[in-house]
Amino acid sequence: MKLNIKAFALTCGIVWGLGLFFLTWWIIAFDGSTGEPTLIGRLYRGYSISPIGSVIGLIWAFFDGLIGGVVFAWLYNKITGSAESK
């Protein structure tokens, strides 16, 4: 069974982007908006625990998940394709 690369990549991008977005708002709801640097903020330029930072993180995480989904699905299809031919 092969994965649809476009669908898998889009799903990964949406899940990762929305996950980071809602996680940021969860932190804002309990601890408030802070401008402190975070580990994710070091990877995603412009991200911080703030309302605008959550949108920036959503965009970065969407494209990060999209690329990761493409790579994973492509590798999965390559590995399962070679295993099926044997």
C-alpha atoms as a PDB file:
ATOM      1  CA  MET A   1       0.000   0.000   0.000  1.00  0.00           C
ATOM      2  CA  LYS A   2       1.429   3.346  -1.030  1.00  0.00           C
ATOM      3  CA  LEU A   3       0.880   6.663   0.677  1.00  0.00           C
ATOM      4  CA  ASN A   4      -0.487   9.616  -1.253  1.00  0.00           C
ATOM      5  CA  ILE A   5       2.433  12.009  -0.810  1.00  0.00           C
ATOM      6  CA  LYS A   6       0.460  15.240  -1.281  1.00  0.00           C
ATOM      7  CA  ALA A   7      -2.321  14.236   1.100  1.00  0.00           C
ATOM      8  CA  PHE A   8       0.072  12.942   3.750  1.00  0.00           C
ATOM      9  CA  ALA A   9       2.260  16.056   3.543  1.00  0.00           C
ATOM     10  CA  LEU A  10      -0.732  18.382   3.782  1.00  0.00           C
ATOM     11  CA  THR A  11      -2.061  16.467   6.786  1.00  0.00           C
ATOM     12  CA  CYS A  12       1.301  16.614   8.545  1.00  0.00           C
ATOM     13  CA  GLY A  13       1.570  20.352   7.898  1.00  0.00           C
ATOM     14  CA  ILE A  14      -1.919  21.081   9.199  1.00  0.00           C
ATOM     15  CA  VAL A  15      -1.524  18.906  12.294  1.00  0.00           C
ATOM     16  CA  TRP A  16       1.899  20.296  13.216  1.00  0.00           C
ATOM     17  CA  GLY A  17       0.919  23.912  12.481  1.00  0.00           C
ATOM     18  CA  LEU A  18      -2.343  23.818  14.417  1.00  0.00           C
ATOM     19  CA  GLY A  19      -0.716  21.833  17.207  1.00  0.00           C
ATOM     20  CA  LEU A  20       1.908  24.522  17.775  1.00  0.00           C
ATOM     21  CA  PHE A  21      -0.707  27.269  17.430  1.00  0.00           C
ATOM     22  CA  PHE A  22      -3.009  25.764  20.066  1.00  0.00           C
ATOM     23  CA  LEU A  23      -0.111  24.848  22.346  1.00  0.00           C
ATOM     24  CA  THR A  24       1.015  28.482  22.270  1.00  0.00           C
ATOM     25  CA  TRP A  25      -2.476  29.695  23.173  1.00  0.00           C
ATOM     26  CA  TRP A  26      -2.671  27.074  25.946  1.00  0.00           C
ATOM     27  CA  ILE A  27       0.526  28.489  27.449  1.00  0.00           C
ATOM     28  CA  ILE A  28      -0.759  32.059  27.020  1.00  0.00           C
ATOM     29  CA  ALA A  29      -3.999  31.151  28.804  1.00  0.00           C
ATOM     30  CA  PHE A  30      -2.208  29.767  31.870  1.00  0.00           C
ATOM     31  CA  ASP A  31       1.079  31.705  32.068  1.00  0.00           C
ATOM     32  CA  GLY A  32       0.386  34.821  30.027  1.00  0.00           C
ATOM     33  CA  SER A  33       2.170  36.246  27.052  1.00  0.00           C
ATOM     34  CA  THR A  34       5.944  36.301  27.472  1.00  0.00           C
ATOM     35  CA  GLY A  35       8.708  37.408  25.191  1.00  0.00           C
ATOM     36  CA  GLU A  36      11.140  34.864  26.570  1.00  0.00           C
ATOM     37  CA  PRO A  37      13.163  32.904  24.027  1.00  0.00           C
ATOM     38  CA  THR A  38      12.116  29.277  23.635  1.00  0.00           C
ATOM     39  CA  LEU A  39      13.710  26.262  22.006  1.00  0.00           C
ATOM     40  CA  ILE A  40      11.155  26.385  19.199  1.00  0.00           C
ATOM     41  CA  GLY A  41      11.803  30.118  18.893  1.00  0.00           C
ATOM     42  CA  ARG A  42      15.405  29.313  18.069  1.00  0.00           C
ATOM     43  CA  LEU A  43      14.285  27.085  15.197  1.00  0.00           C
ATOM     44  CA  TYR A  44      11.382  29.200  13.958  1.00  0.00           C
ATOM     45  CA  ARG A  45      12.544  32.782  13.519  1.00  0.00           C
ATOM     46  CA  GLY A  46      10.044  35.239  14.984  1.00  0.00           C
ATOM     47  CA  TYR A  47       8.191  32.712  17.146  1.00  0.00           C
ATOM     48  CA  SER A  48       7.490  33.613  20.755  1.00  0.00           C
ATOM     49  CA  ILE A  49       4.808  32.953  23.347  1.00  0.00           C
ATOM     50  CA  SER A  50       2.536  35.764  22.164  1.00  0.00           C
ATOM     51  CA  PRO A  51      -0.518  36.130  19.910  1.00  0.00           C
ATOM     52  CA  ILE A  52       1.528  37.253  16.894  1.00  0.00           C
ATOM     53  CA  GLY A  53       4.166  34.634  17.700  1.00  0.00           C
ATOM     54  CA  SER A  54       1.505  31.921  17.543  1.00  0.00           C
ATOM     55  CA  VAL A  55       0.626  32.949  13.984  1.00  0.00           C
ATOM     56  CA  ILE A  56       4.293  33.045  12.983  1.00  0.00           C
ATOM     57  CA  GLY A  57       4.762  29.613  14.563  1.00  0.00           C
ATOM     58  CA  LEU A  58       1.692  28.313  12.713  1.00  0.00           C
ATOM     59  CA  ILE A  59       3.184  29.336   9.386  1.00  0.00           C
ATOM     60  CA  TRP A  60       6.662  27.949  10.148  1.00  0.00           C
ATOM     61  CA  ALA A  61       5.276  24.705  11.567  1.00  0.00           C
ATOM     62  CA  PHE A  62       2.931  24.209   8.612  1.00  0.00           C
ATOM     63  CA  PHE A  63       5.776  24.333   6.117  1.00  0.00           C
ATOM     64  CA  ASP A  64       8.043  22.285   8.387  1.00  0.00           C
ATOM     65  CA  GLY A  65       5.367  19.586   8.699  1.00  0.00           C
ATOM     66  CA  LEU A  66       4.710  19.762   4.959  1.00  0.00           C
ATOM     67  CA  ILE A  67       8.351  19.112   4.099  1.00  0.00           C
ATOM     68  CA  GLY A  68       8.673  16.427   6.764  1.00  0.00           C
ATOM     69  CA  GLY A  69       5.520  14.728   5.458  1.00  0.00           C
ATOM     70  CA  VAL A  70       6.823  14.719   1.895  1.00  0.00           C
ATOM     71  CA  VAL A  71      10.132  13.181   2.945  1.00  0.00           C
ATOM     72  CA  PHE A  72       8.478  10.573   5.176  1.00  0.00           C
ATOM     73  CA  ALA A  73       5.864   9.525   2.592  1.00  0.00           C
ATOM     74  CA  TRP A  74       8.434   9.374  -0.210  1.00  0.00           C
ATOM     75  CA  LEU A  75      10.771   7.212   1.887  1.00  0.00           C
ATOM     76  CA  TYR A  76       7.885   5.007   2.991  1.00  0.00           C
ATOM     77  CA  ASN A  77       6.818   4.463  -0.621  1.00  0.00           C
ATOM     78  CA  LYS A  78      10.398   3.697  -1.674  1.00  0.00           C
ATOM     79  CA  ILE A  79      10.941   1.201   1.148  1.00  0.00           C
ATOM     80  CA  THR A  80       7.599  -0.570   0.741  1.00  0.00           C
ATOM     81  CA  GLY A  81       7.963  -0.595  -3.030  1.00  0.00           C
ATOM     82  CA  SER A  82      11.297  -2.376  -2.855  1.00  0.00           C
ATOM     83  CA  ALA A  83       9.975  -4.806  -0.236  1.00  0.00           C
ATOM     84  CA  GLU A  84       6.941  -5.700  -2.378  1.00  0.00           C
ATOM     85  CA  SER A  85       9.034  -6.420  -5.464  1.00  0.00           C
ATOM     86  CA  LYS A  86      11.075  -9.104  -3.684  1.00  0.00           C
END
